[in-house]
Protein backbone atom coordinates (compact mmCIF):
# COMPACT_ATOMS: atom_id res chain seq x y z
CA MET A 1 273.11 194.72 36.19
CA ALA A 2 276.55 194.83 34.71
CA GLU A 3 277.67 193.80 31.31
CA VAL A 4 281.00 193.00 29.71
CA SER A 5 281.90 192.49 26.12
CA ALA A 6 283.58 189.84 24.08
CA LEU A 7 285.75 192.71 22.94
CA ARG A 8 286.82 194.62 19.89
CA LYS A 9 288.53 192.95 16.97
CA HIS A 10 292.17 191.96 17.19
CA PRO A 11 293.08 191.41 13.51
CA CYS A 12 295.47 188.70 12.41
CA PRO A 13 298.54 190.22 10.67
CA GLU A 14 298.60 187.39 8.12
CA CYS A 15 295.00 187.08 6.90
CA GLY A 16 293.10 189.85 8.66
CA GLY A 17 290.82 187.45 10.55
CA ASP A 18 289.67 188.24 14.06
CA ALA A 19 291.95 186.52 16.60
CA GLU A 20 290.47 184.55 19.47
CA TRP A 21 291.74 183.11 22.75
CA ASN A 22 293.01 179.59 22.04
CA ALA A 23 292.68 177.46 25.19
CA SER A 24 295.02 174.70 24.06
CA LYS A 25 297.80 177.11 23.03
CA GLN A 26 297.13 179.57 25.86
CA ALA A 27 297.57 182.40 23.40
CA LEU A 28 295.74 184.62 20.95
CA ALA A 29 295.43 182.74 17.66
CA CYS A 30 293.70 183.25 14.33
CA PRO A 31 290.96 180.60 13.90
CA PHE A 32 291.34 180.81 10.11
CA CYS A 33 295.06 180.52 9.39
CA GLY A 34 296.36 179.43 12.81
CA THR A 35 298.76 182.33 13.26
CA ILE A 36 299.80 182.93 16.88
CA LEU A 37 299.65 186.61 17.73
CA PRO A 38 302.19 188.22 20.02
CA TRP A 39 300.77 188.78 23.48
CA SER A 40 302.02 188.66 27.03
CA GLU A 41 299.89 188.34 30.12
CA GLY A 42 299.22 191.65 31.82
CA GLU A 43 299.79 193.83 28.76
CA ASP A 44 296.47 195.57 29.40
CA PRO A 45 297.50 199.11 30.50
CA MET A 46 294.69 199.07 33.05
CA GLY A 47 295.75 195.73 34.44
CA ALA A 48 296.05 195.50 38.19
CA ALA A 49 296.42 193.03 41.00
CA ILE A 50 293.36 191.08 42.09
CA VAL A 51 291.61 193.13 44.77
CA GLU A 52 289.08 192.21 47.45
CA HIS A 53 286.47 194.98 47.80
CA PRO A 54 284.70 195.87 51.09
CA LEU A 55 281.20 194.44 50.86
CA GLU A 56 279.34 196.79 53.18
CA GLU A 57 280.58 199.87 51.35
CA ALA A 58 279.56 198.38 48.02
CA LEU A 59 276.06 197.55 49.25
CA ILE A 60 275.60 201.15 50.34
CA ARG A 61 277.03 202.66 47.17
CA ILE A 62 277.84 200.38 44.26
CA PRO A 63 281.23 201.55 42.96
CA ASP A 64 281.86 202.50 39.36
CA SER A 65 283.85 200.13 37.21
CA ALA A 66 287.53 200.16 38.14
CA ARG A 67 288.81 198.32 35.11
CA GLY A 68 288.94 198.80 31.37
CA LEU A 69 285.94 196.99 29.92
CA GLN A 70 284.65 200.11 28.21
CA GLU A 71 284.93 198.74 24.69
CA GLU A 72 282.12 198.77 22.18
CA LYS A 73 279.69 195.95 22.84
CA LYS A 74 276.35 194.51 21.81
CA SER A 75 273.85 192.89 24.16
CA VAL A 76 270.87 190.65 23.49
CA LYS A 77 268.39 189.20 25.95
CA CYS A 78 266.70 185.83 25.50
CA GLU A 79 262.95 186.03 26.05
CA SER A 80 262.90 182.32 26.90
CA CYS A 81 265.64 181.83 29.55
CA PHE A 82 266.28 185.57 30.24
CA ALA A 83 270.07 185.32 29.90
CA ILE A 84 271.83 188.43 28.60
CA SER A 85 274.74 187.72 26.27
CA VAL A 86 277.34 190.30 25.32
CA PHE A 87 279.66 189.98 22.35
CA ASP A 88 281.50 191.72 19.54
CA PRO A 89 279.17 194.13 17.66
CA THR A 90 280.15 192.61 14.30
CA ARG A 91 278.61 189.26 15.24
CA THR A 92 275.00 188.55 14.32
CA ALA A 93 273.19 186.53 16.96
CA GLN A 94 270.35 184.38 15.68
CA ARG A 95 269.76 182.08 18.63
CA CYS A 96 270.42 182.16 22.35
CA ASP A 97 273.71 180.49 23.27
CA PHE A 98 272.14 179.13 26.46
CA CYS A 99 268.84 177.57 25.38
CA GLY A 100 268.87 177.78 21.60
CA SER A 101 265.73 179.91 21.45
CA PRO A 102 265.39 182.26 18.43
CA SER A 103 263.48 184.72 20.63
CA ILE A 104 266.29 187.18 21.33
CA VAL A 105 265.93 190.94 21.39
CA PRO A 106 268.52 193.74 21.62
CA VAL A 107 268.86 195.43 25.00
CA GLU A 108 270.29 198.78 25.87
CA ASN A 109 273.90 198.72 27.02
CA LEU A 110 273.50 200.00 30.56
CA PRO A 111 276.50 201.52 32.35
CA ASP A 112 278.56 198.93 34.18
CA LEU A 113 278.00 199.04 37.92
CA ILE A 114 280.47 196.31 38.83
CA THR A 115 282.77 194.78 36.26
CA PRO A 116 284.99 191.72 36.73
CA GLU A 117 288.59 192.43 37.64
CA SER A 118 289.78 188.84 37.42
CA LEU A 119 288.98 185.63 35.62
CA LEU A 120 289.87 181.99 35.29
CA PRO A 121 291.33 181.55 31.78
CA ALA A 122 290.00 178.71 29.65
CA VAL A 123 292.51 175.87 29.25
CA ILE A 124 290.33 173.04 27.85
CA PRO A 125 290.27 173.26 24.02
CA ASN A 126 287.06 172.86 22.05
CA THR A 127 288.51 169.84 20.19
CA GLN A 128 288.75 167.94 23.49
CA VAL A 129 285.25 169.03 24.47
CA ARG A 130 283.77 167.86 21.15
CA ASP A 131 285.30 164.43 21.71
CA GLN A 132 283.86 164.39 25.24
CA LEU A 133 280.45 165.36 23.88
CA ARG A 134 280.41 162.58 21.30
CA GLU A 135 281.37 160.00 23.91
CA TRP A 136 278.78 161.40 26.33
CA TYR A 137 276.01 161.15 23.76
CA ARG A 138 277.05 157.59 22.86
CA SER A 139 276.99 156.52 26.53
CA ARG A 140 273.42 157.75 27.20
CA TRP A 141 271.70 154.36 26.96
CA TRP A 142 268.25 155.69 27.85
CA ALA A 143 268.43 158.51 25.31
CA PRO A 144 266.70 158.16 21.92
CA ASN A 145 268.97 156.69 19.24
CA LYS A 146 268.31 159.71 17.07
CA LEU A 147 269.98 161.92 19.65
CA LYS A 148 273.07 159.70 19.78
CA ARG A 149 273.43 159.82 16.02
CA ALA A 150 273.09 163.59 15.99
CA ALA A 151 275.88 164.22 18.57
CA LEU A 152 275.05 167.89 18.59
CA THR A 153 278.59 169.25 18.80
CA ASP A 154 277.80 172.05 16.35
CA THR A 155 275.88 173.86 19.10
CA LEU A 156 279.01 174.15 21.25
CA HIS A 157 279.85 177.66 22.48
CA GLY A 158 282.59 179.03 24.71
CA ILE A 159 281.06 181.27 27.37
CA TYR A 160 282.43 183.19 30.35
CA LEU A 161 279.97 183.11 33.24
CA PRO A 162 279.70 185.75 35.97
CA TYR A 163 280.50 184.64 39.52
CA TRP A 164 280.82 186.36 42.86
CA THR A 165 283.28 185.35 45.56
CA PHE A 166 283.06 186.38 49.22
CA ASP A 167 285.50 186.42 52.12
CA ALA A 168 284.58 186.91 55.77
CA HIS A 169 285.92 186.51 59.30
CA VAL A 170 283.24 184.98 61.51
CA ASP A 171 283.08 184.53 65.27
CA ALA A 172 280.34 182.14 66.38
CA ASP A 173 278.96 181.32 69.83
CA TRP A 174 276.92 178.16 70.20
CA THR A 175 274.77 176.46 72.81
CA ALA A 176 273.28 172.99 72.73
CA GLU A 177 272.18 170.04 74.81
CA SER A 178 274.82 167.33 74.76
CA GLY A 179 273.58 163.77 74.91
CA TYR A 180 275.63 161.05 76.60
CA HIS A 181 274.55 157.46 76.02
CA TYR A 182 274.45 154.89 78.81
CA TYR A 183 272.83 151.47 79.11
CA GLU A 184 270.48 149.88 81.59
CA THR A 185 269.27 146.32 81.93
CA GLU A 186 265.51 145.89 81.94
CA THR A 187 263.24 142.87 82.23
CA TYR A 188 260.33 142.06 79.98
CA ARG A 189 258.10 139.14 79.06
CA ASP A 190 258.44 137.58 75.64
CA SER A 191 255.61 136.24 73.49
CA ASN A 192 255.64 132.99 75.45
CA GLY A 193 255.20 134.78 78.77
CA LYS A 194 258.76 134.10 79.93
CA THR A 195 260.78 136.78 81.72
CA GLN A 196 263.75 138.00 79.74
CA THR A 197 266.38 140.74 80.16
CA ARG A 198 267.86 143.13 77.64
CA ARG A 199 270.20 146.13 77.52
CA VAL A 200 268.47 149.40 76.66
CA GLN A 201 270.21 152.60 75.56
CA ARG A 202 269.39 155.71 77.55
CA THR A 203 270.60 159.30 77.01
CA ARG A 204 271.60 161.80 79.66
CA TRP A 205 271.25 165.44 78.55
CA GLU A 206 273.52 168.23 79.72
CA HIS A 207 273.83 171.87 78.73
CA SER A 208 276.96 172.76 76.74
CA SER A 209 278.30 175.86 75.01
CA GLY A 210 281.34 177.07 73.15
CA SER A 211 282.69 179.39 70.47
CA LEU A 212 284.82 179.23 67.37
CA SER A 213 286.34 181.53 64.77
CA HIS A 214 286.46 180.77 61.07
CA PHE A 215 287.69 182.50 57.92
CA PHE A 216 285.75 181.98 54.69
CA ASP A 217 287.98 182.39 51.65
CA ASP A 218 286.32 182.69 48.25
CA ASP A 219 282.86 181.38 49.03
CA VAL A 220 281.40 181.34 45.51
CA VAL A 221 277.95 182.29 44.24
CA PRO A 222 277.03 182.08 40.53
CA GLY A 223 275.71 185.25 38.91
CA THR A 224 274.39 183.41 35.86
CA VAL A 225 270.81 182.58 34.92
CA GLY A 226 271.71 181.11 31.52
CA VAL A 227 273.21 177.80 32.65
CA HIS A 228 270.94 175.45 34.60
CA ALA A 229 271.93 175.61 38.27
CA THR A 230 271.89 171.82 38.79
CA LEU A 231 274.40 171.33 35.96
CA LEU A 232 276.61 174.16 37.13
CA ARG A 233 276.92 172.67 40.61
CA LYS A 234 277.95 169.35 39.06
CA VAL A 235 280.88 170.86 37.10
CA GLU A 236 282.12 172.97 40.02
CA PRO A 237 284.44 173.77 41.66
CA PHE A 238 286.34 176.37 39.71
CA PRO A 239 289.77 176.79 41.39
CA THR A 240 289.31 180.48 42.15
CA LEU A 241 291.58 180.45 45.19
CA THR A 242 294.78 179.62 43.35
CA ASP A 243 294.44 180.16 39.61
CA LEU A 244 292.63 183.47 39.07
CA LYS A 245 294.29 185.94 36.71
CA PRO A 246 293.88 189.72 36.62
CA TYR A 247 291.47 190.58 33.83
CA ASP A 248 293.04 190.94 30.41
CA PRO A 249 290.97 191.47 27.22
CA ALA A 250 292.93 188.76 25.40
CA PHE A 251 291.47 186.00 27.58
CA VAL A 252 287.88 186.55 26.37
CA ARG A 253 288.40 187.41 22.71
CA GLY A 254 286.09 185.26 20.59
CA TRP A 255 284.02 184.19 23.60
CA THR A 256 280.55 185.25 24.66
CA VAL A 257 280.37 186.79 28.13
CA GLU A 258 277.17 186.61 30.14
CA ARG A 259 276.06 189.71 32.00
CA TYR A 260 275.18 189.00 35.61
CA GLN A 261 271.52 189.13 36.62
CA ILE A 262 272.03 187.88 40.17
CA ASP A 263 273.33 191.14 41.61
CA LEU A 264 275.70 191.77 44.48
CA ARG A 265 272.96 192.13 47.08
CA GLN A 266 271.28 188.85 46.11
CA ALA A 267 274.61 187.07 45.88
CA SER A 268 275.78 188.34 49.28
CA GLN A 269 272.58 187.06 50.90
CA THR A 270 273.07 183.66 49.28
CA SER A 271 276.69 183.61 50.41
CA GLN A 272 275.74 184.39 54.00
CA MET A 273 273.21 181.55 54.00
CA GLN A 274 275.91 179.22 52.70
CA MET A 275 278.32 180.42 55.37
CA ASP A 276 275.66 180.07 58.08
CA ASN A 277 275.05 176.46 57.03
CA THR A 278 278.78 175.74 57.11
CA LEU A 279 279.10 177.38 60.53
CA ARG A 280 276.29 175.26 61.89
CA ILE A 281 278.09 172.12 60.73
CA LEU A 282 281.37 173.32 62.26
CA CYS A 283 279.68 174.15 65.58
CA ALA A 284 277.89 170.79 65.63
CA ARG A 285 281.29 169.10 65.47
CA GLU A 286 282.34 171.02 68.58
CA VAL A 287 279.44 169.80 70.73
CA PRO A 288 280.68 167.14 73.16
CA GLY A 289 278.90 163.90 73.84
CA ASP A 290 277.47 161.13 71.72
CA THR A 291 274.67 163.21 70.20
CA HIS A 292 273.11 166.64 70.59
CA ARG A 293 269.90 168.59 70.19
CA ASN A 294 268.64 172.20 70.23
CA LEU A 295 271.81 173.61 68.68
CA GLN A 296 271.73 177.41 68.56
CA VAL A 297 274.40 179.44 66.75
CA ALA A 298 274.93 183.19 67.06
CA SER A 299 277.43 184.48 64.49
CA HIS A 300 279.17 187.82 64.06
CA TYR A 301 280.58 188.68 60.62
CA GLN A 302 283.36 191.16 60.04
CA GLY A 303 285.78 192.11 57.29
CA ARG A 304 283.42 190.94 54.54
CA THR A 305 284.83 191.45 51.05
CA PHE A 306 283.89 190.39 47.53
CA LYS A 307 285.18 189.96 43.99
CA HIS A 308 283.30 189.78 40.71
CA ILE A 309 285.00 187.23 38.44
CA LEU A 310 284.49 185.33 35.19
CA VAL A 311 284.81 181.56 34.77
CA PRO A 312 284.84 179.61 31.48
CA VAL A 313 282.46 176.88 30.38
CA TRP A 314 281.78 175.12 27.12
CA LEU A 315 278.04 174.90 26.59
CA ALA A 316 276.01 172.80 24.15
CA SER A 317 272.31 173.60 24.13
CA TYR A 318 269.71 171.86 22.02
CA THR A 319 265.98 171.34 21.71
CA TYR A 320 264.47 167.87 21.47
CA GLY A 321 260.74 167.81 20.98
CA SER A 322 259.37 170.73 22.96
CA LYS A 323 262.07 170.77 25.66
CA SER A 324 265.48 172.43 25.89
CA PHE A 325 268.53 170.60 27.20
CA GLN A 326 272.08 171.62 28.08
CA VAL A 327 275.46 169.94 28.36
CA VAL A 328 278.11 171.91 30.29
CA VAL A 329 281.88 171.39 30.47
CA ASN A 330 284.09 173.23 32.94
CA GLY A 331 286.50 175.16 30.72
CA TYR A 332 289.30 174.84 33.26
CA THR A 333 289.00 171.31 34.66
CA GLY A 334 287.08 169.51 31.89
CA LYS A 335 284.43 168.22 34.31
CA MET A 336 281.18 167.54 32.46
CA ALA A 337 277.44 167.34 33.21
CA GLY A 338 274.45 167.17 30.91
CA GLU A 339 270.76 166.66 30.36
CA HIS A 340 269.10 164.50 27.75
CA PRO A 341 265.63 163.29 26.78
CA LEU A 342 264.48 159.79 27.64
CA SER A 343 263.35 157.18 25.16
CA TRP A 344 259.99 155.96 26.44
CA VAL A 345 260.19 153.07 23.98
CA LYS A 346 263.37 151.81 25.69
CA ILE A 347 261.91 152.38 29.14
CA THR A 348 258.69 150.55 28.26
CA LEU A 349 260.59 147.60 26.81
CA ALA A 350 262.80 147.45 29.92
CA VAL A 351 259.76 147.46 32.23
CA LEU A 352 258.10 144.72 30.18
CA ALA A 353 261.28 142.65 30.31
CA VAL A 354 261.39 142.95 34.12
CA ILE A 355 257.73 141.95 34.37
CA ILE A 356 258.30 138.90 32.14
CA VAL A 357 261.29 137.81 34.27
CA ILE A 358 259.23 138.19 37.47
CA LEU A 359 256.36 136.13 35.97
CA ILE A 360 258.79 133.41 34.89
CA VAL A 361 260.32 133.24 38.37
CA ILE A 362 256.85 133.05 39.98
CA GLY A 363 255.82 130.36 37.53
CA LEU A 364 258.89 128.26 38.30
CA GLN A 365 258.32 128.59 42.05
CA ASN A 366 254.68 127.52 41.73
CA SER A 367 255.60 124.53 39.60
């Protein structure tokens, strides 16, 4: 596992408060007095260009951290959802940022094996997200009214999630049976015993084969366990191809950063499965004919590389009854997805209303 921190304090020169990354101002700002602190992108002395690392070498021997994330940090692990959060040591964590559980325990700060060298800076401000949350809660018709009134925006947290990206050159050879449709006229007897004719589709099968080459650029795999996977997929994509920035401590000041628990080996296997599925679709498009069957694909990967990156989300987690729910907002695009409880009173009334309407319609037809 690797861990990163939400960084040492960066005191405000006016009031002494700890400055944080302000998404709307794209600058370091004091959350107490609003002072903008001087900062320019890339001022980190260990800053470097975004680098793709050879995957096979890393799988044999995981490299030491190449970047400067060696600041003092504090880690806690949630015993409910198992997410590991890392943040400034002066902060006191009472509940898990991901599921709201109070069952969090300190964990030893293990040496970083792979640390992120680049990230997608947050650009969506929390004020905009809070407005989105309120509107989202109000629009959940099937949710209990109590939940709508609560509009749990006070549980909102800014979190940087760990992601892996993979590149690869792939050569694929494929074989299949191509199906070509043709039509024949056949005779048959209908229910009255009369002879009729009809056109019937037939398929002629022929062997076919081919090859293609494809380059996968930034195939992404989440390294998080804290955010529910179904929600994360709904707020993707994160524009990692065009808008990544070299890591700079300023970007994550005041934010919690999740430590990855889906490691490089697991992520690379997931990525290859994703690439294999994409290759199969691409090869299927190459098969001639009207249809095909028995498609076989043999792929050869080379030049596989990876990056470990951070992406921003705004996360609201809450408990209703005995269940935990999450609402996630992409911190770069503003795309939103959420979970909510259902009001069984509303559902029951709706079902009864439908039954009454059906009975009325039946009654009118019978009369």
